[in-house]
Amino acid sequence: MSIIYDGTQFTEPVKLNTWEPPFRAGLYAILVPNQTVKPKAYAIVYFGESGNMSERGFLSHHKRSCWIRQAGSESNLWISTYLMPNSTE
């Protein structure tokens, strides 16, 4: 199940702690599971952009503690991306 936001189709969400950032520019959405919707829905807690996601530093992101607080634990953080090859910030 992919995430569609404002007409843009992002990838299927994957757990942030197992995700391998691609060597690509793009947009990303940090997600937390929405427990009230089944089978599996997500709430978007952060949008960002990167000229190269593999160099972004998601483990040291300045908002990471906020994401964890909203998710309840690091294992509840998910990410979905919209790759934009050859683009820049």
C-alpha atoms as a PDB file:
ATOM      1  CA  MET A   1       0.000   0.000   0.000  1.00  0.00           C
ATOM      2  CA  SER A   2       1.605   3.245  -1.079  1.00  0.00           C
ATOM      3  CA  ILE A   3       0.955   6.648   0.472  1.00  0.00           C
ATOM      4  CA  ILE A   4      -0.677   9.312  -1.692  1.00  0.00           C
ATOM      5  CA  TYR A   5      -0.389  12.884  -0.490  1.00  0.00           C
ATOM      6  CA  ASP A   6      -1.718  15.816  -2.475  1.00  0.00           C
ATOM      7  CA  GLY A   7      -1.684  13.688  -5.627  1.00  0.00           C
ATOM      8  CA  THR A   8       1.913  12.510  -5.185  1.00  0.00           C
ATOM      9  CA  GLN A   9       2.429   8.767  -4.792  1.00  0.00           C
ATOM     10  CA  PHE A  10       5.055   7.871  -2.220  1.00  0.00           C
ATOM     11  CA  THR A  11       6.502   4.363  -1.783  1.00  0.00           C
ATOM     12  CA  GLU A  12       5.043   1.729   0.471  1.00  0.00           C
ATOM     13  CA  PRO A  13       6.050   2.533   4.069  1.00  0.00           C
ATOM     14  CA  VAL A  14       8.971   0.640   5.593  1.00  0.00           C
ATOM     15  CA  LYS A  15      10.300   0.663   9.141  1.00  0.00           C
ATOM     16  CA  LEU A  16      12.781   3.489   9.500  1.00  0.00           C
ATOM     17  CA  ASN A  17      15.227   1.396  11.551  1.00  0.00           C
ATOM     18  CA  THR A  18      15.558  -1.191   8.723  1.00  0.00           C
ATOM     19  CA  TRP A  19      15.412   1.202   5.757  1.00  0.00           C
ATOM     20  CA  GLU A  20      18.408   1.660   3.478  1.00  0.00           C
ATOM     21  CA  PRO A  21      18.393   5.263   2.193  1.00  0.00           C
ATOM     22  CA  PRO A  22      18.881   5.417  -1.581  1.00  0.00           C
ATOM     23  CA  PHE A  23      21.567   7.515  -3.236  1.00  0.00           C
ATOM     24  CA  ARG A  24      18.838   9.736  -4.700  1.00  0.00           C
ATOM     25  CA  ALA A  25      17.172  13.080  -4.216  1.00  0.00           C
ATOM     26  CA  GLY A  26      13.589  13.157  -3.125  1.00  0.00           C
ATOM     27  CA  LEU A  27      10.899  13.863  -0.609  1.00  0.00           C
ATOM     28  CA  TYR A  28      10.289  11.748   2.456  1.00  0.00           C
ATOM     29  CA  ALA A  29       7.487  11.365   4.954  1.00  0.00           C
ATOM     30  CA  ILE A  30       8.008  10.085   8.476  1.00  0.00           C
ATOM     31  CA  LEU A  31       4.999   8.092   9.605  1.00  0.00           C
ATOM     32  CA  VAL A  32       3.585   6.503  12.731  1.00  0.00           C
ATOM     33  CA  PRO A  33       0.936   3.772  12.763  1.00  0.00           C
ATOM     34  CA  ASN A  34      -2.606   5.042  13.229  1.00  0.00           C
ATOM     35  CA  GLN A  35      -4.046   2.506  15.673  1.00  0.00           C
ATOM     36  CA  THR A  36      -7.653   3.504  14.949  1.00  0.00           C
ATOM     37  CA  VAL A  37      -7.566   2.473  11.288  1.00  0.00           C
ATOM     38  CA  LYS A  38      -7.207  -1.137  10.152  1.00  0.00           C
ATOM     39  CA  PRO A  39      -5.625  -3.037   8.495  1.00  0.00           C
ATOM     40  CA  LYS A  40      -2.758  -0.549   8.566  1.00  0.00           C
ATOM     41  CA  ALA A  41      -2.923   3.189   8.195  1.00  0.00           C
ATOM     42  CA  TYR A  42      -0.387   5.841   9.087  1.00  0.00           C
ATOM     43  CA  ALA A  43      -0.312   9.374  10.359  1.00  0.00           C
ATOM     44  CA  ILE A  44       2.295  11.660   8.794  1.00  0.00           C
ATOM     45  CA  VAL A  45       4.374  13.406  11.453  1.00  0.00           C
ATOM     46  CA  TYR A  46       7.061  15.001   9.281  1.00  0.00           C
ATOM     47  CA  PHE A  47       7.828  15.849   5.651  1.00  0.00           C
ATOM     48  CA  GLY A  48      11.344  16.538   4.436  1.00  0.00           C
ATOM     49  CA  GLU A  49      13.477  16.783   1.343  1.00  0.00           C
ATOM     50  CA  SER A  50      17.013  15.765   0.536  1.00  0.00           C
ATOM     51  CA  GLY A  51      19.383  16.163  -2.383  1.00  0.00           C
ATOM     52  CA  ASN A  52      20.776  12.730  -1.445  1.00  0.00           C
ATOM     53  CA  MET A  53      18.877  10.598   1.050  1.00  0.00           C
ATOM     54  CA  SER A  54      21.870   8.339   1.685  1.00  0.00           C
ATOM     55  CA  GLU A  55      23.712  11.340   3.144  1.00  0.00           C
ATOM     56  CA  ARG A  56      20.757  12.851   5.042  1.00  0.00           C
ATOM     57  CA  GLY A  57      21.565  11.349   8.439  1.00  0.00           C
ATOM     58  CA  PHE A  58      18.186  10.100   9.602  1.00  0.00           C
ATOM     59  CA  LEU A  59      19.698   8.668  12.811  1.00  0.00           C
ATOM     60  CA  SER A  60      20.920  12.138  13.793  1.00  0.00           C
ATOM     61  CA  HIS A  61      18.058  14.194  12.317  1.00  0.00           C
ATOM     62  CA  HIS A  62      17.281  17.265  14.426  1.00  0.00           C
ATOM     63  CA  LYS A  63      13.599  16.229  14.719  1.00  0.00           C
ATOM     64  CA  ARG A  64      14.200  12.533  15.509  1.00  0.00           C
ATOM     65  CA  SER A  65      13.386  12.880  19.223  1.00  0.00           C
ATOM     66  CA  CYS A  66      10.057  14.508  18.306  1.00  0.00           C
ATOM     67  CA  TRP A  67       9.255  11.619  15.940  1.00  0.00           C
ATOM     68  CA  ILE A  68      10.017   9.051  18.644  1.00  0.00           C
ATOM     69  CA  ARG A  69       7.919  10.917  21.183  1.00  0.00           C
ATOM     70  CA  GLN A  70       4.945  10.924  18.781  1.00  0.00           C
ATOM     71  CA  ALA A  71       5.486   7.271  17.829  1.00  0.00           C
ATOM     72  CA  GLY A  72       5.894   6.029  21.395  1.00  0.00           C
ATOM     73  CA  SER A  73       9.078   4.161  20.460  1.00  0.00           C
ATOM     74  CA  GLU A  74      11.699   4.082  17.742  1.00  0.00           C
ATOM     75  CA  SER A  75      10.316   0.789  16.438  1.00  0.00           C
ATOM     76  CA  ASN A  76       7.037   2.559  15.528  1.00  0.00           C
ATOM     77  CA  LEU A  77       8.709   4.944  13.052  1.00  0.00           C
ATOM     78  CA  TRP A  78       8.102   4.320   9.352  1.00  0.00           C
ATOM     79  CA  ILE A  79       9.242   6.139   6.212  1.00  0.00           C
ATOM     80  CA  SER A  80       7.783   6.584   2.753  1.00  0.00           C
ATOM     81  CA  THR A  81       9.625   8.310  -0.102  1.00  0.00           C
ATOM     82  CA  TYR A  82       9.039   9.993  -3.427  1.00  0.00           C
ATOM     83  CA  LEU A  83      12.273   9.745  -5.406  1.00  0.00           C
ATOM     84  CA  MET A  84      13.250  12.586  -7.711  1.00  0.00           C
ATOM     85  CA  PRO A  85      16.405  11.509  -9.568  1.00  0.00           C
ATOM     86  CA  ASN A  86      18.632  14.299 -10.889  1.00  0.00           C
ATOM     87  CA  SER A  87      16.863  16.983  -8.868  1.00  0.00           C
ATOM     88  CA  THR A  88      18.422  19.195  -6.231  1.00  0.00           C
ATOM     89  CA  GLU A  89      17.103  20.833  -3.096  1.00  0.00           C
END
